[in-house]
Amino acid sequence: MTMYRISGVWKDSNNIITHYAFHSVGENSNSRAIKKSKTQAIALLETAGNSATTWVWSYTLARWTVGETVQVVNGASGKYLRSNPDNKLTDNLAHLIDFDWIAP
């Protein structure tokens, strides 16, 4: 059973999310970001007992804050990750930091 935070994404030339920045949650700290492919991310979250939330930078508080629960859903073009399935703009995690320009 592992809890994860997802802080960012990598996208392809069509602006489709291909990878996620996963952090393992420890008792007193979180791990550095580990780049996981979409397939790896789905497998992690489909493993019984594993869970994830978004991890969003708060400019007001100047620290990371826990966001929404992330779920695996099966859409028209296959499985993908999304937060609160309530038709908000944050549903596909595209609101997270775009790591393309930070780390290839």
PDB file of N, CA and C in Angstrom:
ATOM      1  N   MET A   1       0.830  -1.180   0.000  1.00  0.00           N
ATOM      2  CA  MET A   1       0.000   0.000   0.000  1.00  0.00           C
ATOM      3  C   MET A   1       0.872   1.241   0.000  1.00  0.00           C
ATOM      4  N   THR A   2       0.775   2.004  -1.063  1.00  0.00           N
ATOM      5  CA  THR A   2       1.575   3.209  -1.159  1.00  0.00           C
ATOM      6  C   THR A   2       0.688   4.385  -1.550  1.00  0.00           C
ATOM      7  N   MET A   3       0.969   5.523  -0.926  1.00  0.00           N
ATOM      8  CA  MET A   3       0.291   6.749  -1.292  1.00  0.00           C
ATOM      9  C   MET A   3       1.253   7.584  -2.122  1.00  0.00           C
ATOM     10  N   TYR A   4       0.727   8.194  -3.189  1.00  0.00           N
ATOM     11  CA  TYR A   4       1.534   9.006  -4.087  1.00  0.00           C
ATOM     12  C   TYR A   4       0.953  10.411  -4.204  1.00  0.00           C
ATOM     13  N   ARG A   5       1.822  11.339  -4.594  1.00  0.00           N
ATOM     14  CA  ARG A   5       1.428  12.682  -4.989  1.00  0.00           C
ATOM     15  C   ARG A   5       1.886  12.844  -6.443  1.00  0.00           C
ATOM     16  N   ILE A   6       1.085  13.519  -7.246  1.00  0.00           N
ATOM     17  CA  ILE A   6       1.447  13.789  -8.634  1.00  0.00           C
ATOM     18  C   ILE A   6       1.543  15.304  -8.788  1.00  0.00           C
ATOM     19  N   SER A   7       2.766  15.784  -9.091  1.00  0.00           N
ATOM     20  CA  SER A   7       3.002  17.225  -9.113  1.00  0.00           C
ATOM     21  C   SER A   7       3.100  17.831 -10.507  1.00  0.00           C
ATOM     22  N   GLY A   8       3.263  17.003 -11.521  1.00  0.00           N
ATOM     23  CA  GLY A   8       3.422  17.556 -12.858  1.00  0.00           C
ATOM     24  C   GLY A   8       3.261  16.522 -13.944  1.00  0.00           C
ATOM     25  N   VAL A   9       3.347  16.999 -15.182  1.00  0.00           N
ATOM     26  CA  VAL A   9       3.140  16.140 -16.344  1.00  0.00           C
ATOM     27  C   VAL A   9       4.138  16.475 -17.443  1.00  0.00           C
ATOM     28  N   TRP A  10       4.306  15.559 -18.367  1.00  0.00           N
ATOM     29  CA  TRP A  10       5.030  15.779 -19.614  1.00  0.00           C
ATOM     30  C   TRP A  10       4.027  15.533 -20.725  1.00  0.00           C
ATOM     31  N   LYS A  11       4.099  16.330 -21.784  1.00  0.00           N
ATOM     32  CA  LYS A  11       3.152  16.212 -22.897  1.00  0.00           C
ATOM     33  C   LYS A  11       3.903  16.011 -24.207  1.00  0.00           C
ATOM     34  N   ASP A  12       3.209  15.397 -25.176  1.00  0.00           N
ATOM     35  CA  ASP A  12       3.816  15.228 -26.494  1.00  0.00           C
ATOM     36  C   ASP A  12       3.504  16.451 -27.362  1.00  0.00           C
ATOM     37  N   SER A  13       3.895  16.402 -28.624  1.00  0.00           N
ATOM     38  CA  SER A  13       3.709  17.538 -29.529  1.00  0.00           C
ATOM     39  C   SER A  13       2.237  17.849 -29.803  1.00  0.00           C
ATOM     40  N   ASN A  14       1.349  16.921 -29.488  1.00  0.00           N
ATOM     41  CA  ASN A  14      -0.094  17.140 -29.652  1.00  0.00           C
ATOM     42  C   ASN A  14      -0.756  17.595 -28.354  1.00  0.00           C
ATOM     43  N   ASN A  15       0.063  17.936 -27.355  1.00  0.00           N
ATOM     44  CA  ASN A  15      -0.412  18.405 -26.053  1.00  0.00           C
ATOM     45  C   ASN A  15      -1.136  17.310 -25.258  1.00  0.00           C
ATOM     46  N   ILE A  16      -0.793  16.057 -25.531  1.00  0.00           N
ATOM     47  CA  ILE A  16      -1.362  14.912 -24.827  1.00  0.00           C
ATOM     48  C   ILE A  16      -0.393  14.500 -23.721  1.00  0.00           C
ATOM     49  N   ILE A  17      -0.914  14.279 -22.519  1.00  0.00           N
ATOM     50  CA  ILE A  17      -0.070  13.867 -21.397  1.00  0.00           C
ATOM     51  C   ILE A  17       0.488  12.468 -21.666  1.00  0.00           C
ATOM     52  N   THR A  18       1.818  12.336 -21.551  1.00  0.00           N
ATOM     53  CA  THR A  18       2.475  11.043 -21.777  1.00  0.00           C
ATOM     54  C   THR A  18       3.123  10.493 -20.508  1.00  0.00           C
ATOM     55  N   HIS A  19       3.499  11.387 -19.581  1.00  0.00           N
ATOM     56  CA  HIS A  19       4.187  10.991 -18.349  1.00  0.00           C
ATOM     57  C   HIS A  19       3.714  11.849 -17.185  1.00  0.00           C
ATOM     58  N   TYR A  20       3.916  11.326 -15.982  1.00  0.00           N
ATOM     59  CA  TYR A  20       3.514  12.016 -14.756  1.00  0.00           C
ATOM     60  C   TYR A  20       4.685  12.047 -13.779  1.00  0.00           C
ATOM     61  N   ALA A  21       4.758  13.105 -12.960  1.00  0.00           N
ATOM     62  CA  ALA A  21       5.773  13.226 -11.910  1.00  0.00           C
ATOM     63  C   ALA A  21       5.178  12.667 -10.618  1.00  0.00           C
ATOM     64  N   PHE A  22       5.613  11.461 -10.240  1.00  0.00           N
ATOM     65  CA  PHE A  22       5.109  10.760  -9.049  1.00  0.00           C
ATOM     66  C   PHE A  22       6.057  10.960  -7.871  1.00  0.00           C
ATOM     67  N   HIS A  23       5.496  11.176  -6.700  1.00  0.00           N
ATOM     68  CA  HIS A  23       6.259  11.270  -5.451  1.00  0.00           C
ATOM     69  C   HIS A  23       5.666  10.250  -4.480  1.00  0.00           C
ATOM     70  N   SER A  24       6.495   9.429  -3.857  1.00  0.00           N
ATOM     71  CA  SER A  24       6.028   8.535  -2.798  1.00  0.00           C
ATOM     72  C   SER A  24       5.881   9.354  -1.522  1.00  0.00           C
ATOM     73  N   VAL A  25       4.818   9.084  -0.785  1.00  0.00           N
ATOM     74  CA  VAL A  25       4.559   9.804   0.455  1.00  0.00           C
ATOM     75  C   VAL A  25       5.091   8.985   1.616  1.00  0.00           C
ATOM     76  N   GLY A  26       6.018   9.570   2.369  1.00  0.00           N
ATOM     77  CA  GLY A  26       6.569   8.919   3.548  1.00  0.00           C
ATOM     78  C   GLY A  26       5.939   9.472   4.807  1.00  0.00           C
ATOM     79  N   GLU A  27       6.345   8.943   5.936  1.00  0.00           N
ATOM     80  CA  GLU A  27       5.788   9.392   7.211  1.00  0.00           C
ATOM     81  C   GLU A  27       6.113  10.855   7.486  1.00  0.00           C
ATOM     82  N   ASN A  28       7.333  11.271   7.151  1.00  0.00           N
ATOM     83  CA  ASN A  28       7.751  12.648   7.428  1.00  0.00           C
ATOM     84  C   ASN A  28       8.192  13.428   6.202  1.00  0.00           C
ATOM     85  N   SER A  29       8.144  12.800   5.020  1.00  0.00           N
ATOM     86  CA  SER A  29       8.600  13.503   3.819  1.00  0.00           C
ATOM     87  C   SER A  29       8.039  12.831   2.568  1.00  0.00           C
ATOM     88  N   ASN A  30       8.261  13.487   1.441  1.00  0.00           N
ATOM     89  CA  ASN A  30       7.877  12.945   0.143  1.00  0.00           C
ATOM     90  C   ASN A  30       9.132  12.759  -0.689  1.00  0.00           C
ATOM     91  N   SER A  31       9.126  11.775  -1.577  1.00  0.00           N
ATOM     92  CA  SER A  31      10.296  11.521  -2.419  1.00  0.00           C
ATOM     93  C   SER A  31      10.401  12.584  -3.513  1.00  0.00           C
ATOM     94  N   ARG A  32      11.569  12.617  -4.138  1.00  0.00           N
ATOM     95  CA  ARG A  32      11.743  13.453  -5.324  1.00  0.00           C
ATOM     96  C   ARG A  32      10.847  12.891  -6.421  1.00  0.00           C
ATOM     97  N   ALA A  33      10.563  13.709  -7.408  1.00  0.00           N
ATOM     98  CA  ALA A  33       9.714  13.280  -8.516  1.00  0.00           C
ATOM     99  C   ALA A  33      10.373  12.164  -9.314  1.00  0.00           C
ATOM    100  N   ILE A  34       9.590  11.164  -9.645  1.00  0.00           N
ATOM    101  CA  ILE A  34      10.027  10.081 -10.510  1.00  0.00           C
ATOM    102  C   ILE A  34       9.095  10.086 -11.714  1.00  0.00           C
ATOM    103  N   LYS A  35       9.687  10.159 -12.897  1.00  0.00           N
ATOM    104  CA  LYS A  35       8.920  10.222 -14.135  1.00  0.00           C
ATOM    105  C   LYS A  35       8.340   8.849 -14.440  1.00  0.00           C
ATOM    106  N   LYS A  36       7.013   8.787 -14.517  1.00  0.00           N
ATOM    107  CA  LYS A  36       6.311   7.536 -14.824  1.00  0.00           C
ATOM    108  C   LYS A  36       5.513   7.714 -16.104  1.00  0.00           C
ATOM    109  N   SER A  37       5.592   6.726 -16.989  1.00  0.00           N
ATOM    110  CA  SER A  37       4.798   6.773 -18.213  1.00  0.00           C
ATOM    111  C   SER A  37       3.319   6.633 -17.855  1.00  0.00           C
ATOM    112  N   LYS A  38       2.482   6.969 -18.785  1.00  0.00           N
ATOM    113  CA  LYS A  38       1.043   6.829 -18.578  1.00  0.00           C
ATOM    114  C   LYS A  38       0.696   5.384 -18.203  1.00  0.00           C
ATOM    115  N   THR A  39       1.299   4.427 -18.901  1.00  0.00           N
ATOM    116  CA  THR A  39       1.055   3.011 -18.628  1.00  0.00           C
ATOM    117  C   THR A  39       1.505   2.632 -17.215  1.00  0.00           C
ATOM    118  N   GLN A  40       2.691   3.095 -16.819  1.00  0.00           N
ATOM    119  CA  GLN A  40       3.198   2.812 -15.471  1.00  0.00           C
ATOM    120  C   GLN A  40       2.306   3.454 -14.408  1.00  0.00           C
ATOM    121  N   ALA A  41       1.868   4.678 -14.652  1.00  0.00           N
ATOM    122  CA  ALA A  41       1.023   5.394 -13.697  1.00  0.00           C
ATOM    123  C   ALA A  41      -0.302   4.677 -13.496  1.00  0.00           C
ATOM    124  N   ILE A  42      -0.897   4.226 -14.574  1.00  0.00           N
ATOM    125  CA  ILE A  42      -2.165   3.502 -14.489  1.00  0.00           C
ATOM    126  C   ILE A  42      -1.973   2.200 -13.712  1.00  0.00           C
ATOM    127  N   ALA A  43      -0.900   1.478 -14.016  1.00  0.00           N
ATOM    128  CA  ALA A  43      -0.625   0.219 -13.310  1.00  0.00           C
ATOM    129  C   ALA A  43      -0.436   0.453 -11.813  1.00  0.00           C
ATOM    130  N   LEU A  44       0.295   1.502 -11.442  1.00  0.00           N
ATOM    131  CA  LEU A  44       0.499   1.817 -10.024  1.00  0.00           C
ATOM    132  C   LEU A  44      -0.823   2.063  -9.311  1.00  0.00           C
ATOM    133  N   LEU A  45      -1.692   2.845  -9.949  1.00  0.00           N
ATOM    134  CA  LEU A  45      -2.940   3.205  -9.287  1.00  0.00           C
ATOM    135  C   LEU A  45      -4.016   2.125  -9.373  1.00  0.00           C
ATOM    136  N   GLU A  46      -3.818   1.162 -10.267  1.00  0.00           N
ATOM    137  CA  GLU A  46      -4.744   0.025 -10.314  1.00  0.00           C
ATOM    138  C   GLU A  46      -4.319  -1.076  -9.354  1.00  0.00           C
ATOM    139  N   THR A  47      -3.151  -0.949  -8.753  1.00  0.00           N
ATOM    140  CA  THR A  47      -2.693  -1.911  -7.758  1.00  0.00           C
ATOM    141  C   THR A  47      -3.481  -1.686  -6.470  1.00  0.00           C
ATOM    142  N   ALA A  48      -4.062  -2.740  -5.963  1.00  0.00           N
ATOM    143  CA  ALA A  48      -4.891  -2.646  -4.755  1.00  0.00           C
ATOM    144  C   ALA A  48      -4.134  -1.968  -3.624  1.00  0.00           C
ATOM    145  N   GLY A  49      -4.765  -0.999  -2.994  1.00  0.00           N
ATOM    146  CA  GLY A  49      -4.189  -0.310  -1.855  1.00  0.00           C
ATOM    147  C   GLY A  49      -3.419   0.950  -2.198  1.00  0.00           C
ATOM    148  N   ASN A  50      -3.016   1.117  -3.453  1.00  0.00           N
ATOM    149  CA  ASN A  50      -2.299   2.325  -3.848  1.00  0.00           C
ATOM    150  C   ASN A  50      -3.290   3.450  -4.117  1.00  0.00           C
ATOM    151  N   SER A  51      -2.863   4.679  -3.834  1.00  0.00           N
ATOM    152  CA  SER A  51      -3.719   5.836  -4.094  1.00  0.00           C
ATOM    153  C   SER A  51      -2.857   7.045  -4.429  1.00  0.00           C
ATOM    154  N   ALA A  52      -3.476   8.073  -4.992  1.00  0.00           N
ATOM    155  CA  ALA A  52      -2.736   9.280  -5.343  1.00  0.00           C
ATOM    156  C   ALA A  52      -3.625  10.501  -5.240  1.00  0.00           C
ATOM    157  N   THR A  53      -2.968  11.622  -4.982  1.00  0.00           N
ATOM    158  CA  THR A  53      -3.623  12.923  -5.036  1.00  0.00           C
ATOM    159  C   THR A  53      -2.724  13.846  -5.846  1.00  0.00           C
ATOM    160  N   THR A  54      -3.301  14.930  -6.323  1.00  0.00           N
ATOM    161  CA  THR A  54      -2.469  15.932  -6.967  1.00  0.00           C
ATOM    162  C   THR A  54      -1.699  16.671  -5.891  1.00  0.00           C
ATOM    163  N   TRP A  55      -0.582  17.265  -6.277  1.00  0.00           N
ATOM    164  CA  TRP A  55       0.254  18.039  -5.366  1.00  0.00           C
ATOM    165  C   TRP A  55       0.525  19.349  -6.074  1.00  0.00           C
ATOM    166  N   VAL A  56      -0.073  20.402  -5.573  1.00  0.00           N
ATOM    167  CA  VAL A  56      -0.106  21.677  -6.276  1.00  0.00           C
ATOM    168  C   VAL A  56       0.673  22.736  -5.508  1.00  0.00           C
ATOM    169  N   TRP A  57       1.475  23.525  -6.234  1.00  0.00           N
ATOM    170  CA  TRP A  57       2.218  24.605  -5.596  1.00  0.00           C
ATOM    171  C   TRP A  57       1.270  25.755  -5.274  1.00  0.00           C
ATOM    172  N   SER A  58       1.272  26.184  -4.028  1.00  0.00           N
ATOM    173  CA  SER A  58       0.464  27.317  -3.592  1.00  0.00           C
ATOM    174  C   SER A  58       1.368  28.545  -3.506  1.00  0.00           C
ATOM    175  N   TYR A  59       1.160  29.483  -4.389  1.00  0.00           N
ATOM    176  CA  TYR A  59       1.961  30.707  -4.358  1.00  0.00           C
ATOM    177  C   TYR A  59       1.617  31.548  -3.133  1.00  0.00           C
ATOM    178  N   THR A  60       0.395  31.492  -2.680  1.00  0.00           N
ATOM    179  CA  THR A  60      -0.027  32.236  -1.499  1.00  0.00           C
ATOM    180  C   THR A  60       0.681  31.739  -0.243  1.00  0.00           C
ATOM    181  N   LEU A  61       0.768  30.416  -0.094  1.00  0.00           N
ATOM    182  CA  LEU A  61       1.398  29.819   1.089  1.00  0.00           C
ATOM    183  C   LEU A  61       2.885  29.544   0.905  1.00  0.00           C
ATOM    184  N   ALA A  62       3.358  29.633  -0.338  1.00  0.00           N
ATOM    185  CA  ALA A  62       4.750  29.326  -0.689  1.00  0.00           C
ATOM    186  C   ALA A  62       5.145  27.912  -0.270  1.00  0.00           C
ATOM    187  N   ARG A  63       4.280  26.949  -0.586  1.00  0.00           N
ATOM    188  CA  ARG A  63       4.560  25.542  -0.308  1.00  0.00           C
ATOM    189  C   ARG A  63       3.626  24.666  -1.143  1.00  0.00           C
ATOM    190  N   TRP A  64       3.954  23.385  -1.185  1.00  0.00           N
ATOM    191  CA  TRP A  64       3.108  22.419  -1.880  1.00  0.00           C
ATOM    192  C   TRP A  64       1.886  22.109  -1.024  1.00  0.00           C
ATOM    193  N   THR A  65       0.742  21.939  -1.684  1.00  0.00           N
ATOM    194  CA  THR A  65      -0.482  21.573  -0.973  1.00  0.00           C
ATOM    195  C   THR A  65      -1.107  20.352  -1.640  1.00  0.00           C
ATOM    196  N   VAL A  66      -1.742  19.538  -0.833  1.00  0.00           N
ATOM    197  CA  VAL A  66      -2.419  18.348  -1.350  1.00  0.00           C
ATOM    198  C   VAL A  66      -3.690  18.795  -2.055  1.00  0.00           C
ATOM    199  N   GLY A  67      -3.879  18.291  -3.258  1.00  0.00           N
ATOM    200  CA  GLY A  67      -5.034  18.659  -4.065  1.00  0.00           C
ATOM    201  C   GLY A  67      -6.102  17.588  -4.053  1.00  0.00           C
ATOM    202  N   GLU A  68      -6.543  17.219  -5.234  1.00  0.00           N
ATOM    203  CA  GLU A  68      -7.659  16.306  -5.413  1.00  0.00           C
ATOM    204  C   GLU A  68      -7.211  14.853  -5.556  1.00  0.00           C
ATOM    205  N   THR A  69      -8.098  13.938  -5.248  1.00  0.00           N
ATOM    206  CA  THR A  69      -7.851  12.516  -5.440  1.00  0.00           C
ATOM    207  C   THR A  69      -7.761  12.218  -6.929  1.00  0.00           C
ATOM    208  N   VAL A  70      -6.820  11.357  -7.296  1.00  0.00           N
ATOM    209  CA  VAL A  70      -6.625  10.963  -8.695  1.00  0.00           C
ATOM    210  C   VAL A  70      -7.154   9.556  -8.889  1.00  0.00           C
ATOM    211  N   GLN A  71      -7.884   9.352  -9.980  1.00  0.00           N
ATOM    212  CA  GLN A  71      -8.467   8.051 -10.285  1.00  0.00           C
ATOM    213  C   GLN A  71      -8.105   7.624 -11.699  1.00  0.00           C
ATOM    214  N   VAL A  72      -8.129   6.329 -11.936  1.00  0.00           N
ATOM    215  CA  VAL A  72      -7.989   5.790 -13.285  1.00  0.00           C
ATOM    216  C   VAL A  72      -9.398   5.649 -13.838  1.00  0.00           C
ATOM    217  N   VAL A  73      -9.616   6.204 -15.022  1.00  0.00           N
ATOM    218  CA  VAL A  73     -10.916   6.073 -15.681  1.00  0.00           C
ATOM    219  C   VAL A  73     -10.706   5.508 -17.076  1.00  0.00           C
ATOM    220  N   ASN A  74     -11.731   4.900 -17.602  1.00  0.00           N
ATOM    221  CA  ASN A  74     -11.671   4.323 -18.937  1.00  0.00           C
ATOM    222  C   ASN A  74     -12.500   5.200 -19.865  1.00  0.00           C
ATOM    223  N   GLY A  75     -11.823   6.007 -20.679  1.00  0.00           N
ATOM    224  CA  GLY A  75     -12.500   6.910 -21.601  1.00  0.00           C
ATOM    225  C   GLY A  75     -12.631   6.316 -22.979  1.00  0.00           C
ATOM    226  N   ALA A  76     -13.107   7.114 -23.900  1.00  0.00           N
ATOM    227  CA  ALA A  76     -13.327   6.674 -25.275  1.00  0.00           C
ATOM    228  C   ALA A  76     -12.033   6.216 -25.950  1.00  0.00           C
ATOM    229  N   SER A  77     -10.898   6.819 -25.561  1.00  0.00           N
ATOM    230  CA  SER A  77      -9.617   6.445 -26.178  1.00  0.00           C
ATOM    231  C   SER A  77      -8.734   5.623 -25.246  1.00  0.00           C
ATOM    232  N   GLY A  78      -9.332   5.010 -24.234  1.00  0.00           N
ATOM    233  CA  GLY A  78      -8.573   4.162 -23.325  1.00  0.00           C
ATOM    234  C   GLY A  78      -8.479   4.737 -21.927  1.00  0.00           C
ATOM    235  N   LYS A  79      -7.677   4.088 -21.096  1.00  0.00           N
ATOM    236  CA  LYS A  79      -7.545   4.500 -19.703  1.00  0.00           C
ATOM    237  C   LYS A  79      -6.653   5.729 -19.578  1.00  0.00           C
ATOM    238  N   TYR A  80      -6.967   6.564 -18.596  1.00  0.00           N
ATOM    239  CA  TYR A  80      -6.155   7.729 -18.285  1.00  0.00           C
ATOM    240  C   TYR A  80      -6.414   8.135 -16.842  1.00  0.00           C
ATOM    241  N   LEU A  81      -5.597   9.073 -16.330  1.00  0.00           N
ATOM    242  CA  LEU A  81      -5.756   9.556 -14.957  1.00  0.00           C
ATOM    243  C   LEU A  81      -6.539  10.855 -14.965  1.00  0.00           C
ATOM    244  N   ARG A  82      -7.372  11.027 -13.965  1.00  0.00           N
ATOM    245  CA  ARG A  82      -8.054  12.302 -13.791  1.00  0.00           C
ATOM    246  C   ARG A  82      -8.378  12.515 -12.331  1.00  0.00           C
ATOM    247  N   SER A  83      -8.577  13.761 -11.994  1.00  0.00           N
ATOM    248  CA  SER A  83      -8.988  14.110 -10.637  1.00  0.00           C
ATOM    249  C   SER A  83     -10.483  14.373 -10.647  1.00  0.00           C
ATOM    250  N   ASN A  84     -11.066  14.545  -9.493  1.00  0.00           N
ATOM    251  CA  ASN A  84     -12.516  14.722  -9.331  1.00  0.00           C
ATOM    252  C   ASN A  84     -13.309  14.669 -10.635  1.00  0.00           C
ATOM    253  N   PRO A  85     -13.948  13.554 -10.905  1.00  0.00           N
ATOM    254  CA  PRO A  85     -14.708  13.422 -12.159  1.00  0.00           C
ATOM    255  C   PRO A  85     -16.004  14.223 -12.117  1.00  0.00           C
ATOM    256  N   ASP A  86     -15.853  15.548 -12.184  1.00  0.00           N
ATOM    257  CA  ASP A  86     -17.025  16.407 -12.045  1.00  0.00           C
ATOM    258  C   ASP A  86     -17.069  17.485 -13.114  1.00  0.00           C
ATOM    259  N   ASN A  87     -16.450  17.236 -14.243  1.00  0.00           N
ATOM    260  CA  ASN A  87     -16.462  18.151 -15.377  1.00  0.00           C
ATOM    261  C   ASN A  87     -15.722  19.458 -15.137  1.00  0.00           C
ATOM    262  N   LYS A  88     -14.793  19.485 -14.189  1.00  0.00           N
ATOM    263  CA  LYS A  88     -13.960  20.668 -13.991  1.00  0.00           C
ATOM    264  C   LYS A  88     -12.788  20.618 -14.960  1.00  0.00           C
ATOM    265  N   LEU A  89     -12.158  21.753 -15.177  1.00  0.00           N
ATOM    266  CA  LEU A  89     -11.013  21.814 -16.079  1.00  0.00           C
ATOM    267  C   LEU A  89      -9.841  20.978 -15.595  1.00  0.00           C
ATOM    268  N   THR A  90      -9.801  20.650 -14.306  1.00  0.00           N
ATOM    269  CA  THR A  90      -8.690  19.892 -13.749  1.00  0.00           C
ATOM    270  C   THR A  90      -8.847  18.385 -13.925  1.00  0.00           C
ATOM    271  N   ASP A  91      -9.881  17.940 -14.604  1.00  0.00           N
ATOM    272  CA  ASP A  91     -10.159  16.514 -14.704  1.00  0.00           C
ATOM    273  C   ASP A  91      -9.026  15.669 -15.282  1.00  0.00           C
ATOM    274  N   ASN A  92      -8.257  16.187 -16.231  1.00  0.00           N
ATOM    275  CA  ASN A  92      -7.241  15.338 -16.857  1.00  0.00           C
ATOM    276  C   ASN A  92      -5.828  15.622 -16.357  1.00  0.00           C
ATOM    277  N   LEU A  93      -5.674  16.392 -15.293  1.00  0.00           N
ATOM    278  CA  LEU A  93      -4.399  16.726 -14.665  1.00  0.00           C
ATOM    279  C   LEU A  93      -3.553  17.686 -15.492  1.00  0.00           C
ATOM    280  N   ALA A  94      -4.105  18.245 -16.569  1.00  0.00           N
ATOM    281  CA  ALA A  94      -3.348  19.185 -17.402  1.00  0.00           C
ATOM    282  C   ALA A  94      -3.055  20.489 -16.671  1.00  0.00           C
ATOM    283  N   HIS A  95      -3.708  20.731 -15.554  1.00  0.00           N
ATOM    284  CA  HIS A  95      -3.466  21.946 -14.771  1.00  0.00           C
ATOM    285  C   HIS A  95      -2.171  21.869 -13.965  1.00  0.00           C
ATOM    286  N   LEU A  96      -1.579  20.693 -13.869  1.00  0.00           N
ATOM    287  CA  LEU A  96      -0.343  20.532 -13.101  1.00  0.00           C
ATOM    288  C   LEU A  96       0.845  21.125 -13.868  1.00  0.00           C
ATOM    289  N   ILE A  97       1.959  21.297 -13.183  1.00  0.00           N
ATOM    290  CA  ILE A  97       3.171  21.872 -13.784  1.00  0.00           C
ATOM    291  C   ILE A  97       3.588  21.062 -15.014  1.00  0.00           C
ATOM    292  N   ASP A  98       3.915  21.759 -16.090  1.00  0.00           N
ATOM    293  CA  ASP A  98       4.405  21.120 -17.316  1.00  0.00           C
ATOM    294  C   ASP A  98       5.920  20.970 -17.188  1.00  0.00           C
ATOM    295  N   PHE A  99       6.371  19.756 -16.932  1.00  0.00           N
ATOM    296  CA  PHE A  99       7.795  19.486 -16.712  1.00  0.00           C
ATOM    297  C   PHE A  99       8.610  19.405 -17.993  1.00  0.00           C
ATOM    298  N   ASP A 100       7.985  19.510 -19.148  1.00  0.00           N
ATOM    299  CA  ASP A 100       8.728  19.428 -20.417  1.00  0.00           C
ATOM    300  C   ASP A 100       9.912  20.377 -20.460  1.00  0.00           C
ATOM    301  N   TRP A 101       9.765  21.552 -19.942  1.00  0.00           N
ATOM    302  CA  TRP A 101      10.839  22.551 -20.020  1.00  0.00           C
ATOM    303  C   TRP A 101      11.824  22.436 -18.842  1.00  0.00           C
ATOM    304  N   ILE A 102      11.477  21.640 -17.827  1.00  0.00           N
ATOM    305  CA  ILE A 102      12.345  21.483 -16.664  1.00  0.00           C
ATOM    306  C   ILE A 102      13.245  20.263 -16.805  1.00  0.00           C
ATOM    307  N   ALA A 103      12.648  19.126 -17.141  1.00  0.00           N
ATOM    308  CA  ALA A 103      13.395  17.865 -17.232  1.00  0.00           C
ATOM    309  C   ALA A 103      12.859  17.053 -18.397  1.00  0.00           C
ATOM    310  N   PRO A 104      13.724  16.687 -19.315  1.00  0.00           N
ATOM    311  CA  PRO A 104      13.275  15.915 -20.489  1.00  0.00           C
ATOM    312  C   PRO A 104      12.783  14.533 -20.123  1.00  0.00           C
TER     313      PRO A 104
END
